[in-house]
Structure formats: C-alpha cells, structure tokens
C-alpha cells in the first residue's frame, strides 16, 4: 500500500512538472511566506531580549517544527483539503466504490507543491535554532526528526477532523478546515504567552501546541521523558479520534452526485 501511495504522489508531481513555471512559482511562494515569518522573529528579538522566557533560537525551533510539519502534510496528505470539494462534486462516491480504504484514497489524493518550499524553510528554521542555541548533537537531530513526524500526524488529524464537517453540513459549504488551521497557526509562538483559555485550546482542543511548542520544551530539557510520552500519546489519540470521526461521517454521508 505504501508503494502505491508514493506512486500516486510521483504521478502528481510528474503531472505538475508539465507546467514548470507554475511548479516553481508554488515552491517559491512557500519559501517566501515562511521567510517573512522568520524575519518577524528576527526583528522581534532585535528589540526584545526574550519573549516570556523564550530565546530567539527557541522560537526558530517552534516555527521550524510548525513549518516542517505543514510542508509534509501539504506534500503527502493534501487530499484532506480537497475532501469537501470531492463530496460536493459527487466524486467521493467513486472512492467509496473502490476496494481500497477511502481514508487511504483521500490521503493519497493530490499534492500541495507549496509544501516543498514550506518544508525547506521548516528544516532551515530548525537548523538555525539548534545552531544558535548550541544544541547540535546526534540526539537532538534525531529528536527533531521524530517530532517533525509526530507534528505531521497531529496536523493531519486536526485538518481531517475539520474536513469531515462536510459530512454533517447538509449540502452547505464548510470552512471548518481553514478555521481550525488558522487557530492552530497561533502555536507558531510559545503557547505560554496566551491567556489560559487559549493555552487550553492550543493543547487540548486543536493540539497544535504539540507540533512545535512541547517539542521545544523537551529540547530545552524540561521533563524530557514525561513530555515525550505525552507527545506520542497525544499523536496517537488524536489520529484515532480523526479516523473515528471520518468513518462516522461516511455513515452519515449522502451522495451529492447528479
């Protein structure tokens, strides 16, 4: 199944490469937007020594994990964003008729080219953060790779939950995926700078805090074993929740094909 997944992605890339100008514009747009975000952090720390006890390099780490995970979800599971459109066009019926898991088909559908640039900037931010903090070691690099993957799984999960709202929308357009994504973007800064209710939202409702903030805490040396277990538990539980909601949604699904 994994081989088929990557064959699908390779085919999408090959198709997009037939339009090289569009391909490179999408890649560079991802790089440009995240470069601006990196610049904001740089300017902030030229005027403020620290933000709620967080150093500049630590913010680069949080931003890096957020960008790297966003890039990977865009490249490999961008189909989640297309789920509402597939339902409204009646094309989801075709997926249900195939002898392959509909969730697998959604995850392997399409590719977000801008994710390539976002991933590059995410890796760059993580690298800058580690070097500026003098935290470069085989263990820290390994942990960064692991936390990028767990962050990707968490992003996948809350994006999927948002997209599944289409099954209960009764034929109306839904912007839940974008709304959830937008709230999650607040986790590109330390969660502790927000009021208590917002911290609760970013850690337990839309757990974007587990994408970058908690991994940065672990790399700082705070409760390493406990927080690592919590990250893995949150990743597994939230993915299970997203998968459950997806299949419950299918039970509610009514074809909109004409």
Foldseek 3Di string as FASTA:
>chain_A
DVVVLVVLLVVLVVVVVVPVVVLVVLQVVLQVVLVVVLVVLVVVCVPDVADPPHHSLLLLQLLLLLLQLQLVQQAQFVLLVCLLVCQQQLVLVVLVPDPDPSNSVSRSPHHRSNSNNSNVSSVVSNVSSCVVVVNDDPVLVVLSVVLSVLLNLLLSLQLLLQSLCSLVPVNDDGPSSVVLVVLLVVLSGALVNDDPVSSCCCCPVSVSVLRGNLSSCLSVVHPVVVSVVVSVVVSVVSSVVSVVSNVVSVVSHDGNHD
